[in-house]
Amino acid sequence: MAIPRPPADPRPATHRLARGRRHAPPRPQRHSGRRLGLGSLRLKAEDRNPTGSFKARIASVAASLVRQDGLAGLVGTSSGNGGAAAAAYAAAARSRAVLFTLSDTVPVKLLEITAAGGTAYRVEGVGHDAASTAAVADAIAAAARTSGHYPMLTGFHYAPEAMSGVETIAYELAEEVPDLSVVYAPVGGGGLLTGLGRGFAMEGGSVRVVGVHPEGRRRCPQRSGATCPACGALCRPRSPVCRWRSCTTPKAHPARCSPPAATRRP
């Protein structure tokens, strides 16, 4: 059975949970700005959020709705940051968080989830295969409805209320940088870009949002899912981290990932 789409006008959380969120005004990047030929360049440091990423904004709303509606907890997928945020804010709501993570989620992220009281299960295919990722997300959304949990799925299709937390980045930027014209943000799964676009639209301005990703990403051999000829390590397609760097004989690799550097993508 098809998963019904959420209402176009998501209801807000009336009481927002907070975990010592630190205000992070955009920091001027004068040297980089001059090098790129920009009159003004600023960096919005989302790592200043309590759990180290912008996902804290999403989890804050999700956990607030759990408490507000008397739900059993949060259940969702994660590659790490979202799960860490979900577990931390679920704990603040005196609730629970169950996360189905990528099979190669880095150990430190799993530790963040479990240290906050969350439960993590690794699932093959999630985050690496589009069909598997969509199937798991649909199943979790359906299970959340029937079990009284909120779906901690970082996509507007599944959790429009929680994803509205991303829009607060745009509200802050509009207030802090009145002459803002362009915002560059990582593409990722698209939720950040969508949230920024919606937020700036609500502000009624003309700020342009541009998606970027690391230069050299398309040349990384991990995109093919090939194996290392020296150690047999698998390069996961669509993985944000090049797994070949952990090889014991890296010089045997025929190709390497380029150093990260922002580049424009229309």
Protein backbone atom coordinates (compact mmCIF):
# COMPACT_ATOMS: atom_id res chain seq x y z
CA MET A 1 0.00 0.00 0.00
CA ALA A 2 1.34 3.42 -0.92
CA ILE A 3 2.43 5.72 1.87
CA PRO A 4 0.12 8.77 1.89
CA ARG A 5 1.81 12.12 1.53
CA PRO A 6 1.85 14.40 4.59
CA PRO A 7 -0.30 17.53 4.78
CA ALA A 8 1.02 20.55 2.90
CA ASP A 9 0.82 22.69 6.03
CA PRO A 10 2.68 20.78 8.77
CA ARG A 11 1.63 21.53 12.33
CA PRO A 12 4.28 23.14 14.52
CA ALA A 13 5.52 21.92 17.86
CA THR A 14 4.04 24.19 20.51
CA HIS A 15 6.89 23.57 22.98
CA ARG A 16 10.37 23.29 21.46
CA LEU A 17 12.92 21.20 23.32
CA ALA A 18 16.36 22.75 23.63
CA ARG A 19 19.71 21.26 24.67
CA GLY A 20 21.86 24.31 25.23
CA ARG A 21 21.87 25.41 21.61
CA ARG A 22 24.71 27.85 21.00
CA HIS A 23 24.10 30.79 18.72
CA ALA A 24 26.56 30.74 15.81
CA PRO A 25 26.47 33.94 13.76
CA PRO A 26 28.08 33.70 10.30
CA ARG A 27 31.83 34.21 10.52
CA PRO A 28 33.60 36.41 7.93
CA GLN A 29 36.02 34.50 5.67
CA ARG A 30 38.05 37.42 4.32
CA HIS A 31 41.01 35.50 2.92
CA SER A 32 38.87 32.89 1.14
CA GLY A 33 36.52 35.60 -0.05
CA ARG A 34 39.34 37.55 -1.69
CA ARG A 35 40.76 34.40 -3.26
CA LEU A 36 37.38 33.57 -4.79
CA GLY A 37 36.77 37.13 -5.92
CA LEU A 38 33.80 37.66 -3.61
CA GLY A 39 33.08 40.97 -1.94
CA SER A 40 31.84 39.23 1.20
CA LEU A 41 31.98 35.57 2.25
CA ARG A 42 30.71 34.19 5.55
CA LEU A 43 30.59 30.73 7.08
CA LYS A 44 27.58 29.48 9.04
CA ALA A 45 29.10 27.04 11.52
CA GLU A 46 26.39 24.43 12.11
CA ASP A 47 28.84 22.29 14.05
CA ARG A 48 28.13 24.64 16.96
CA ASN A 49 24.80 22.90 17.47
CA PRO A 50 24.61 20.67 20.59
CA THR A 51 25.12 17.41 18.69
CA GLY A 52 27.59 18.80 16.15
CA SER A 53 25.43 19.22 13.04
CA PHE A 54 22.32 20.93 11.68
CA LYS A 55 20.42 17.68 12.33
CA ALA A 56 19.97 18.94 15.90
CA ARG A 57 17.44 21.43 14.54
CA ILE A 58 15.39 18.58 13.06
CA ALA A 59 15.64 16.34 16.12
CA SER A 60 14.62 19.21 18.40
CA VAL A 61 11.27 19.54 16.63
CA ALA A 62 10.79 15.76 16.33
CA ALA A 63 11.39 15.13 20.03
CA SER A 64 9.18 18.09 20.94
CA LEU A 65 6.33 16.50 18.98
CA VAL A 66 6.95 13.18 20.72
CA ARG A 67 6.50 14.83 24.09
CA GLN A 68 3.63 17.05 22.94
CA ASP A 69 1.62 14.16 21.44
CA GLY A 70 2.56 11.52 24.01
CA LEU A 71 4.26 9.29 21.43
CA ALA A 72 6.45 6.30 22.27
CA GLY A 73 9.61 7.78 20.75
CA LEU A 74 11.54 8.31 17.51
CA VAL A 75 12.32 5.73 14.86
CA GLY A 76 14.28 6.40 11.68
CA THR A 77 17.33 5.92 9.50
CA SER A 78 20.71 7.57 9.89
CA SER A 79 24.24 7.73 8.54
CA GLY A 80 25.39 9.12 11.89
CA ASN A 81 24.64 12.78 12.56
CA GLY A 82 20.87 12.44 12.44
CA GLY A 83 20.94 9.43 14.71
CA ALA A 84 23.18 11.15 17.25
CA ALA A 85 20.82 14.12 17.31
CA ALA A 86 17.73 11.91 17.56
CA ALA A 87 19.14 9.95 20.49
CA ALA A 88 20.19 13.09 22.37
CA TYR A 89 16.87 14.88 21.96
CA ALA A 90 14.86 11.74 22.66
CA ALA A 91 16.71 11.51 25.96
CA ALA A 92 15.81 15.14 26.66
CA ALA A 93 12.16 14.25 26.03
CA ARG A 94 12.52 11.23 28.34
CA SER A 95 11.71 9.05 25.40
CA ARG A 96 13.61 6.62 23.19
CA ALA A 97 15.17 6.56 19.73
CA VAL A 98 15.58 3.51 17.49
CA LEU A 99 17.84 4.08 14.46
CA PHE A 100 18.51 1.89 11.43
CA THR A 101 21.93 2.99 10.25
CA LEU A 102 24.13 2.49 7.21
CA SER A 103 26.13 -0.72 7.33
CA ASP A 104 29.36 1.31 7.29
CA THR A 105 28.41 4.05 9.73
CA VAL A 106 31.61 5.07 11.51
CA PRO A 107 31.97 3.64 15.05
CA VAL A 108 32.17 7.05 16.73
CA LYS A 109 28.70 7.92 15.40
CA LEU A 110 27.27 4.64 16.66
CA LEU A 111 28.84 5.40 20.02
CA GLU A 112 27.16 8.82 20.09
CA ILE A 113 23.79 7.15 19.49
CA THR A 114 24.16 4.47 22.15
CA ALA A 115 25.81 6.78 24.69
CA ALA A 116 22.70 8.96 24.63
CA GLY A 117 20.49 5.92 25.20
CA GLY A 118 19.51 5.23 21.60
CA THR A 119 19.41 1.84 19.89
CA ALA A 120 21.15 1.33 16.54
CA TYR A 121 20.78 -1.47 14.00
CA ARG A 122 22.99 -1.60 10.91
CA VAL A 123 21.13 -2.32 7.67
CA GLU A 124 22.74 -3.37 4.38
CA GLY A 125 21.83 -1.22 1.39
CA VAL A 126 20.54 1.81 3.29
CA GLY A 127 22.25 4.93 1.99
CA HIS A 128 24.05 3.05 -0.79
CA ASP A 129 21.20 1.73 -2.90
CA ALA A 130 18.28 4.00 -3.79
CA ALA A 131 15.68 1.23 -3.96
CA SER A 132 16.70 -0.28 -0.61
CA THR A 133 16.86 3.13 1.05
CA ALA A 134 13.36 4.06 -0.16
CA ALA A 135 11.93 0.66 0.84
CA VAL A 136 13.34 0.91 4.36
CA ALA A 137 12.14 4.51 4.75
CA ASP A 138 8.63 3.57 3.61
CA ALA A 139 8.57 0.63 6.01
CA ILE A 140 9.75 2.79 8.91
CA ALA A 141 7.17 5.48 8.15
CA ALA A 142 4.41 2.86 8.14
CA ALA A 143 5.69 1.22 11.33
CA ALA A 144 5.95 4.60 13.06
CA ARG A 145 2.27 5.29 12.41
CA THR A 146 1.09 1.93 13.70
CA SER A 147 3.37 1.83 16.76
CA GLY A 148 2.92 5.39 17.98
CA HIS A 149 6.40 6.66 17.09
CA TYR A 150 7.46 9.76 15.18
CA PRO A 151 9.39 9.02 11.95
CA MET A 152 12.88 10.50 12.32
CA LEU A 153 13.40 10.47 8.55
CA THR A 154 15.21 13.55 7.29
CA GLY A 155 13.00 14.21 4.29
CA PHE A 156 10.02 16.53 3.89
CA HIS A 157 7.98 13.68 2.38
CA TYR A 158 8.08 11.70 5.62
CA ALA A 159 8.53 14.24 8.43
CA PRO A 160 7.53 17.74 7.29
CA GLU A 161 7.06 18.99 10.85
CA ALA A 162 10.54 17.99 11.99
CA MET A 163 12.17 19.12 8.77
CA SER A 164 10.78 22.60 9.34
CA GLY A 165 13.62 22.92 11.85
CA VAL A 166 16.01 23.32 8.91
CA GLU A 167 14.15 26.46 7.86
CA THR A 168 15.39 28.22 10.99
CA ILE A 169 18.85 28.42 9.38
CA ALA A 170 17.36 30.63 6.68
CA TYR A 171 15.54 32.77 9.24
CA GLU A 172 18.76 33.36 11.16
CA LEU A 173 20.75 34.18 8.04
CA ALA A 174 18.10 36.61 6.80
CA GLU A 175 18.29 38.45 10.12
CA GLU A 176 22.07 38.34 10.53
CA VAL A 177 23.07 39.12 6.93
CA PRO A 178 20.43 41.48 5.47
CA ASP A 179 22.30 41.87 2.16
CA LEU A 180 22.68 38.10 1.64
CA SER A 181 22.34 37.09 -2.02
CA VAL A 182 23.60 33.49 -2.39
CA VAL A 183 23.92 30.54 0.00
CA TYR A 184 26.07 27.51 -0.85
CA ALA A 185 25.17 24.32 1.01
CA PRO A 186 26.10 20.61 0.72
CA VAL A 187 23.74 18.59 -1.46
CA GLY A 188 23.59 15.49 0.76
CA GLY A 189 20.13 13.96 0.61
CA GLY A 190 18.52 17.23 -0.40
CA GLY A 191 16.79 18.02 2.89
CA LEU A 192 19.11 20.88 3.82
CA LEU A 193 18.73 22.55 0.42
CA THR A 194 14.95 22.15 0.48
CA GLY A 195 14.71 23.54 4.00
CA LEU A 196 16.84 26.54 3.14
CA GLY A 197 14.76 27.22 0.04
CA ARG A 198 11.51 27.01 1.98
CA GLY A 199 12.87 29.21 4.74
CA PHE A 200 14.04 31.96 2.43
CA ALA A 201 10.73 31.77 0.55
CA MET A 202 8.92 32.37 3.85
CA GLU A 203 11.13 35.41 4.40
CA GLY A 204 10.00 36.75 1.03
CA GLY A 205 13.52 37.55 -0.15
CA SER A 206 15.42 36.68 -3.31
CA VAL A 207 18.27 34.65 -1.82
CA ARG A 208 19.54 31.97 -4.20
CA VAL A 209 20.43 28.54 -2.75
CA VAL A 210 23.16 26.58 -4.57
CA GLY A 211 24.02 22.95 -3.90
CA VAL A 212 27.72 21.95 -3.75
CA HIS A 213 29.74 18.80 -3.17
CA PRO A 214 33.46 17.96 -2.81
CA GLU A 215 35.55 18.46 -5.93
CA GLY A 216 36.73 15.16 -7.37
CA ARG A 217 33.77 13.26 -5.95
CA ARG A 218 32.79 11.89 -9.36
CA ARG A 219 36.29 10.60 -9.99
CA CYS A 220 36.39 8.56 -6.80
CA PRO A 221 36.50 4.81 -7.58
CA GLN A 222 34.01 4.18 -4.76
CA ARG A 223 31.25 5.20 -7.18
CA SER A 224 31.64 1.94 -9.06
CA GLY A 225 31.53 -0.29 -6.00
CA ALA A 226 34.86 -1.76 -7.11
CA THR A 227 37.16 -3.72 -4.82
CA CYS A 228 40.73 -2.83 -3.95
CA PRO A 229 43.13 -5.03 -5.95
CA ALA A 230 45.51 -5.13 -2.98
CA CYS A 231 43.31 -5.84 0.03
CA GLY A 232 39.86 -6.55 -1.43
CA ALA A 233 38.18 -3.70 0.45
CA LEU A 234 34.85 -2.74 -1.09
CA CYS A 235 34.30 0.83 -2.24
CA ARG A 236 30.70 1.59 -1.38
CA PRO A 237 28.77 3.41 -4.11
CA ARG A 238 27.36 6.78 -2.94
CA SER A 239 29.33 6.61 0.31
CA PRO A 240 30.37 10.07 1.55
CA VAL A 241 33.71 8.69 2.74
CA CYS A 242 36.32 7.05 0.54
CA ARG A 243 36.81 3.59 2.09
CA TRP A 244 39.99 2.96 0.11
CA ARG A 245 42.00 5.15 2.44
CA SER A 246 41.81 2.44 5.13
CA CYS A 247 43.66 -0.05 2.92
CA THR A 248 46.90 -1.38 4.38
CA THR A 249 48.65 -0.88 1.03
CA PRO A 250 47.11 2.37 -0.30
CA LYS A 251 49.82 2.88 -2.96
CA ALA A 252 48.47 -0.16 -4.79
CA HIS A 253 45.23 1.61 -5.58
CA PRO A 254 44.81 2.74 -9.21
CA ALA A 255 42.93 5.89 -8.16
CA ARG A 256 42.40 8.07 -5.13
CA CYS A 257 39.85 10.57 -3.94
CA SER A 258 40.79 14.19 -4.53
CA PRO A 259 41.21 16.45 -1.48
CA PRO A 260 37.86 18.02 -0.47
CA ALA A 261 37.24 21.42 -2.02
CA ALA A 262 33.92 23.17 -2.58
CA THR A 263 32.83 23.52 -6.18
CA ARG A 264 29.66 24.88 -7.69
CA ARG A 265 26.96 22.57 -9.00
CA PRO A 266 23.86 24.12 -10.57
